[in-house]
Amino acid sequence: MSYAEKSLVPGETLLYQTRHHWMVLVGHALMSFAFAALAVGLFVEALAAKNGKGMAAGASAMGMEAMTIFGVFLLVLAMVTFAYGIAKRNATEMAVTNRRVLIKTGMGSRRTLDLMLSRVESIGVEETVFGRMLGYGSVIVRGTGGTPEPFVMIAHPQEFRRAVQEQTGTQPPS
């Protein structure tokens, strides 16, 4: 059950929900790939040394074992890096109910923003060309008298804004 579903009050209905776009995983995926490629290189080199070929043909059994252990360490590091990226992506939720806007970020420490719809002064969306093509952008929510709250790399930011505007009755004419 998501944070938004858990924090609904009686009579409140969840209307729209989104989270970070998959693009936030690109950096973690690239790092994981680099670690895995290094690990595979070490495994190949240790195997070649065992067969008396390759750059480490004269490597000792201890050297081959060290390469294998370090290769396993790099594979585990690759998996942990990617798992951290997925967990971080899933730790951000944005939702619109019939009464408020809910935003939660963070894994260990949590940051939440619960803003009553009557207090939403403006909601803006910033999208790059690449973001428009792939469906992500930044959402900036400003409450009455408050500072802007930016949330970056959100999936379908225009739909999120539209859901808020439909509830506040401030949707601009098409």
C-alpha atoms as a PDB file:
ATOM      1  CA  MET A   1       0.000   0.000   0.000  1.00  0.00           C
ATOM      2  CA  SER A   2       1.391   3.374  -0.996  1.00  0.00           C
ATOM      3  CA  TYR A   3       1.897   6.384   1.273  1.00  0.00           C
ATOM      4  CA  ALA A   4      -0.965   8.183  -0.473  1.00  0.00           C
ATOM      5  CA  GLU A   5      -3.363   5.298   0.103  1.00  0.00           C
ATOM      6  CA  LYS A   6      -2.326   4.990   3.754  1.00  0.00           C
ATOM      7  CA  SER A   7      -2.815   8.684   4.464  1.00  0.00           C
ATOM      8  CA  LEU A   8      -6.330   9.040   3.055  1.00  0.00           C
ATOM      9  CA  VAL A   9      -8.860  10.382   5.544  1.00  0.00           C
ATOM     10  CA  PRO A  10     -12.544   9.307   5.598  1.00  0.00           C
ATOM     11  CA  GLY A  11     -14.363  10.706   2.574  1.00  0.00           C
ATOM     12  CA  GLU A  12     -11.154  11.340   0.636  1.00  0.00           C
ATOM     13  CA  THR A  13     -10.630   9.699  -2.759  1.00  0.00           C
ATOM     14  CA  LEU A  14      -7.352   9.094  -4.563  1.00  0.00           C
ATOM     15  CA  LEU A  15      -7.709  10.558  -8.064  1.00  0.00           C
ATOM     16  CA  TYR A  16      -4.226  10.510  -9.577  1.00  0.00           C
ATOM     17  CA  GLN A  17      -0.869   9.068  -8.556  1.00  0.00           C
ATOM     18  CA  THR A  18       2.618   9.219 -10.114  1.00  0.00           C
ATOM     19  CA  ARG A  19       6.289   8.814  -9.187  1.00  0.00           C
ATOM     20  CA  HIS A  20       9.748   9.393 -10.587  1.00  0.00           C
ATOM     21  CA  HIS A  21      10.239   8.578 -14.256  1.00  0.00           C
ATOM     22  CA  TRP A  22      12.432   5.599 -15.201  1.00  0.00           C
ATOM     23  CA  MET A  23      15.063   8.075 -16.446  1.00  0.00           C
ATOM     24  CA  VAL A  24      16.254   8.481 -12.848  1.00  0.00           C
ATOM     25  CA  LEU A  25      17.646   4.945 -13.182  1.00  0.00           C
ATOM     26  CA  VAL A  26      19.972   5.750 -16.090  1.00  0.00           C
ATOM     27  CA  GLY A  27      22.921   6.805 -13.905  1.00  0.00           C
ATOM     28  CA  HIS A  28      22.540   3.781 -11.638  1.00  0.00           C
ATOM     29  CA  ALA A  29      22.217   1.477 -14.649  1.00  0.00           C
ATOM     30  CA  LEU A  30      25.393   2.887 -16.242  1.00  0.00           C
ATOM     31  CA  MET A  31      27.353   2.476 -13.004  1.00  0.00           C
ATOM     32  CA  SER A  32      26.027  -1.069 -12.605  1.00  0.00           C
ATOM     33  CA  PHE A  33      27.014  -1.874 -16.179  1.00  0.00           C
ATOM     34  CA  ALA A  34      30.545  -0.517 -15.597  1.00  0.00           C
ATOM     35  CA  PHE A  35      30.977  -2.606 -12.429  1.00  0.00           C
ATOM     36  CA  ALA A  36      29.605  -5.718 -14.159  1.00  0.00           C
ATOM     37  CA  ALA A  37      31.866  -5.204 -17.191  1.00  0.00           C
ATOM     38  CA  LEU A  38      34.919  -4.927 -14.937  1.00  0.00           C
ATOM     39  CA  ALA A  39      33.840  -8.085 -13.117  1.00  0.00           C
ATOM     40  CA  VAL A  40      33.435 -10.008 -16.370  1.00  0.00           C
ATOM     41  CA  GLY A  41      36.862  -8.794 -17.486  1.00  0.00           C
ATOM     42  CA  LEU A  42      38.385 -10.090 -14.262  1.00  0.00           C
ATOM     43  CA  PHE A  43      36.624 -13.442 -14.623  1.00  0.00           C
ATOM     44  CA  VAL A  44      37.810 -13.809 -18.228  1.00  0.00           C
ATOM     45  CA  GLU A  45      41.369 -12.888 -17.261  1.00  0.00           C
ATOM     46  CA  ALA A  46      41.385 -15.329 -14.316  1.00  0.00           C
ATOM     47  CA  LEU A  47      40.105 -18.102 -16.594  1.00  0.00           C
ATOM     48  CA  ALA A  48      42.718 -17.278 -19.224  1.00  0.00           C
ATOM     49  CA  ALA A  49      45.452 -17.325 -16.575  1.00  0.00           C
ATOM     50  CA  LYS A  50      44.215 -20.694 -15.361  1.00  0.00           C
ATOM     51  CA  ASN A  51      44.500 -22.039 -18.915  1.00  0.00           C
ATOM     52  CA  GLY A  52      47.964 -20.481 -19.384  1.00  0.00           C
ATOM     53  CA  LYS A  53      46.817 -17.776 -21.836  1.00  0.00           C
ATOM     54  CA  GLY A  54      46.106 -14.068 -21.710  1.00  0.00           C
ATOM     55  CA  MET A  55      47.872 -11.161 -20.017  1.00  0.00           C
ATOM     56  CA  ALA A  56      48.026 -12.891 -16.622  1.00  0.00           C
ATOM     57  CA  ALA A  57      49.371 -16.219 -17.951  1.00  0.00           C
ATOM     58  CA  GLY A  58      52.053 -16.291 -15.271  1.00  0.00           C
ATOM     59  CA  ALA A  59      49.681 -15.381 -12.439  1.00  0.00           C
ATOM     60  CA  SER A  60      49.778 -17.502  -9.339  1.00  0.00           C
ATOM     61  CA  ALA A  61      46.798 -19.401  -7.972  1.00  0.00           C
ATOM     62  CA  MET A  62      46.534 -16.739  -5.276  1.00  0.00           C
ATOM     63  CA  GLY A  63      46.415 -14.007  -7.943  1.00  0.00           C
ATOM     64  CA  MET A  64      43.657 -15.814  -9.855  1.00  0.00           C
ATOM     65  CA  GLU A  65      41.694 -16.294  -6.647  1.00  0.00           C
ATOM     66  CA  ALA A  66      42.069 -12.590  -5.829  1.00  0.00           C
ATOM     67  CA  MET A  67      40.802 -11.641  -9.317  1.00  0.00           C
ATOM     68  CA  THR A  68      37.800 -13.946  -8.881  1.00  0.00           C
ATOM     69  CA  ILE A  69      36.990 -12.581  -5.415  1.00  0.00           C
ATOM     70  CA  PHE A  70      37.275  -8.988  -6.623  1.00  0.00           C
ATOM     71  CA  GLY A  71      35.103  -9.894  -9.639  1.00  0.00           C
ATOM     72  CA  VAL A  72      32.413 -11.269  -7.321  1.00  0.00           C
ATOM     73  CA  PHE A  73      32.665  -8.095  -5.215  1.00  0.00           C
ATOM     74  CA  LEU A  74      32.163  -5.961  -8.343  1.00  0.00           C
ATOM     75  CA  LEU A  75      29.119  -8.017  -9.400  1.00  0.00           C
ATOM     76  CA  VAL A  76      27.568  -7.585  -5.960  1.00  0.00           C
ATOM     77  CA  LEU A  77      28.354  -3.865  -6.121  1.00  0.00           C
ATOM     78  CA  ALA A  78      26.640  -3.675  -9.529  1.00  0.00           C
ATOM     79  CA  MET A  79      23.496  -5.327  -8.154  1.00  0.00           C
ATOM     80  CA  VAL A  80      23.453  -3.129  -5.034  1.00  0.00           C
ATOM     81  CA  THR A  81      23.909   0.030  -7.124  1.00  0.00           C
ATOM     82  CA  PHE A  82      20.978  -0.825  -9.380  1.00  0.00           C
ATOM     83  CA  ALA A  83      18.787  -1.955  -6.460  1.00  0.00           C
ATOM     84  CA  TYR A  84      19.494   1.359  -4.695  1.00  0.00           C
ATOM     85  CA  GLY A  85      18.381   3.245  -7.814  1.00  0.00           C
ATOM     86  CA  ILE A  86      15.126   1.299  -7.977  1.00  0.00           C
ATOM     87  CA  ALA A  87      14.469   1.809  -4.265  1.00  0.00           C
ATOM     88  CA  LYS A  88      15.173   5.533  -4.594  1.00  0.00           C
ATOM     89  CA  ARG A  89      12.808   5.776  -7.569  1.00  0.00           C
ATOM     90  CA  ASN A  90      10.046   3.992  -5.702  1.00  0.00           C
ATOM     91  CA  ALA A  91      10.538   6.172  -2.604  1.00  0.00           C
ATOM     92  CA  THR A  92       8.969   9.204  -4.284  1.00  0.00           C
ATOM     93  CA  GLU A  93       5.197   9.432  -4.642  1.00  0.00           C
ATOM     94  CA  MET A  94       2.971  12.229  -5.809  1.00  0.00           C
ATOM     95  CA  ALA A  95      -0.798  12.026  -5.585  1.00  0.00           C
ATOM     96  CA  VAL A  96      -3.901  14.141  -6.006  1.00  0.00           C
ATOM     97  CA  THR A  97      -7.024  13.439  -3.982  1.00  0.00           C
ATOM     98  CA  ASN A  98     -10.352  15.226  -3.996  1.00  0.00           C
ATOM     99  CA  ARG A  99      -9.062  17.337  -1.041  1.00  0.00           C
ATOM    100  CA  ARG A 100      -5.288  17.745  -1.263  1.00  0.00           C
ATOM    101  CA  VAL A 101      -1.984  17.244  -3.049  1.00  0.00           C
ATOM    102  CA  LEU A 102       0.323  14.692  -1.402  1.00  0.00           C
ATOM    103  CA  ILE A 103       4.033  14.438  -2.123  1.00  0.00           C
ATOM    104  CA  LYS A 104       6.439  12.079  -0.337  1.00  0.00           C
ATOM    105  CA  THR A 105      10.147  11.735  -0.999  1.00  0.00           C
ATOM    106  CA  GLY A 106      12.922   9.861   0.733  1.00  0.00           C
ATOM    107  CA  MET A 107      13.836   6.364   1.813  1.00  0.00           C
ATOM    108  CA  GLY A 108      15.481   6.501   5.247  1.00  0.00           C
ATOM    109  CA  SER A 109      14.477  10.020   6.128  1.00  0.00           C
ATOM    110  CA  ARG A 110      11.163  11.134   4.712  1.00  0.00           C
ATOM    111  CA  ARG A 111       9.950  14.490   3.437  1.00  0.00           C
ATOM    112  CA  THR A 112       6.249  14.976   2.869  1.00  0.00           C
ATOM    113  CA  LEU A 113       4.135  17.813   1.568  1.00  0.00           C
ATOM    114  CA  ASP A 114       0.382  17.678   2.150  1.00  0.00           C
ATOM    115  CA  LEU A 115      -1.210  20.743   0.626  1.00  0.00           C
ATOM    116  CA  MET A 116      -4.948  21.344   0.752  1.00  0.00           C
ATOM    117  CA  LEU A 117      -6.288  22.023  -2.743  1.00  0.00           C
ATOM    118  CA  SER A 118      -7.795  25.309  -1.540  1.00  0.00           C
ATOM    119  CA  ARG A 119      -4.240  26.421  -0.630  1.00  0.00           C
ATOM    120  CA  VAL A 120      -2.635  25.647  -4.003  1.00  0.00           C
ATOM    121  CA  GLU A 121      -1.684  28.997  -5.454  1.00  0.00           C
ATOM    122  CA  SER A 122       0.007  27.656  -8.571  1.00  0.00           C
ATOM    123  CA  ILE A 123       1.436  24.512 -10.061  1.00  0.00           C
ATOM    124  CA  GLY A 124       4.012  24.732 -12.798  1.00  0.00           C
ATOM    125  CA  VAL A 125       5.644  22.202 -15.074  1.00  0.00           C
ATOM    126  CA  GLU A 126       9.104  22.458 -16.602  1.00  0.00           C
ATOM    127  CA  GLU A 127       9.991  19.997 -19.352  1.00  0.00           C
ATOM    128  CA  THR A 128      13.035  19.819 -21.576  1.00  0.00           C
ATOM    129  CA  VAL A 129      12.653  18.707 -25.185  1.00  0.00           C
ATOM    130  CA  PHE A 130      14.041  15.304 -24.218  1.00  0.00           C
ATOM    131  CA  GLY A 131      11.707  15.219 -21.223  1.00  0.00           C
ATOM    132  CA  ARG A 132       8.692  15.961 -23.414  1.00  0.00           C
ATOM    133  CA  MET A 133       9.629  13.141 -25.778  1.00  0.00           C
ATOM    134  CA  LEU A 134      10.061  10.625 -22.949  1.00  0.00           C
ATOM    135  CA  GLY A 135       7.285  11.880 -20.665  1.00  0.00           C
ATOM    136  CA  TYR A 136       9.039  13.402 -17.655  1.00  0.00           C
ATOM    137  CA  GLY A 137       9.615  16.831 -16.173  1.00  0.00           C
ATOM    138  CA  SER A 138       9.688  18.910 -13.031  1.00  0.00           C
ATOM    139  CA  VAL A 139       6.594  19.936 -11.113  1.00  0.00           C
ATOM    140  CA  ILE A 140       6.729  23.101  -9.013  1.00  0.00           C
ATOM    141  CA  VAL A 141       3.933  23.439  -6.441  1.00  0.00           C
ATOM    142  CA  ARG A 142       3.411  26.751  -4.652  1.00  0.00           C
ATOM    143  CA  GLY A 143       0.994  27.111  -1.780  1.00  0.00           C
ATOM    144  CA  THR A 144      -0.523  30.421  -0.728  1.00  0.00           C
ATOM    145  CA  GLY A 145       2.216  32.472   0.891  1.00  0.00           C
ATOM    146  CA  GLY A 146       4.673  29.601   0.609  1.00  0.00           C
ATOM    147  CA  THR A 147       7.894  28.962  -1.183  1.00  0.00           C
ATOM    148  CA  PRO A 148       7.937  26.911  -4.381  1.00  0.00           C
ATOM    149  CA  GLU A 149       8.408  23.154  -3.905  1.00  0.00           C
ATOM    150  CA  PRO A 150      10.163  21.649  -6.952  1.00  0.00           C
ATOM    151  CA  PHE A 151       9.981  17.918  -7.673  1.00  0.00           C
ATOM    152  CA  VAL A 152      12.209  16.794 -10.524  1.00  0.00           C
ATOM    153  CA  MET A 153      12.112  13.856 -12.955  1.00  0.00           C
ATOM    154  CA  ILE A 154       8.422  13.147 -12.362  1.00  0.00           C
ATOM    155  CA  ALA A 155       6.608  10.858 -14.785  1.00  0.00           C
ATOM    156  CA  HIS A 156       3.742  12.507 -16.705  1.00  0.00           C
ATOM    157  CA  PRO A 157       3.961  15.960 -15.079  1.00  0.00           C
ATOM    158  CA  GLN A 158       1.285  17.489 -17.339  1.00  0.00           C
ATOM    159  CA  GLU A 159      -1.229  14.844 -16.226  1.00  0.00           C
ATOM    160  CA  PHE A 160      -0.389  15.555 -12.590  1.00  0.00           C
ATOM    161  CA  ARG A 161      -0.936  19.280 -13.120  1.00  0.00           C
ATOM    162  CA  ARG A 162      -4.194  18.603 -14.976  1.00  0.00           C
ATOM    163  CA  ALA A 163      -5.456  16.451 -12.074  1.00  0.00           C
ATOM    164  CA  VAL A 164      -4.730  19.278  -9.612  1.00  0.00           C
ATOM    165  CA  GLN A 165      -6.352  21.871 -11.868  1.00  0.00           C
ATOM    166  CA  GLU A 166      -9.475  19.742 -12.321  1.00  0.00           C
ATOM    167  CA  GLN A 167      -9.908  19.602  -8.555  1.00  0.00           C
ATOM    168  CA  THR A 168      -9.222  23.286  -7.949  1.00  0.00           C
ATOM    169  CA  GLY A 169     -11.340  24.400 -10.903  1.00  0.00           C
ATOM    170  CA  THR A 170      -8.483  26.441 -12.365  1.00  0.00           C
ATOM    171  CA  GLN A 171      -7.902  24.484 -15.560  1.00  0.00           C
ATOM    172  CA  PRO A 172      -7.109  26.893 -18.378  1.00  0.00           C
ATOM    173  CA  PRO A 173      -9.264  26.643 -21.517  1.00  0.00           C
ATOM    174  CA  SER A 174      -7.851  24.319 -24.195  1.00  0.00           C
END
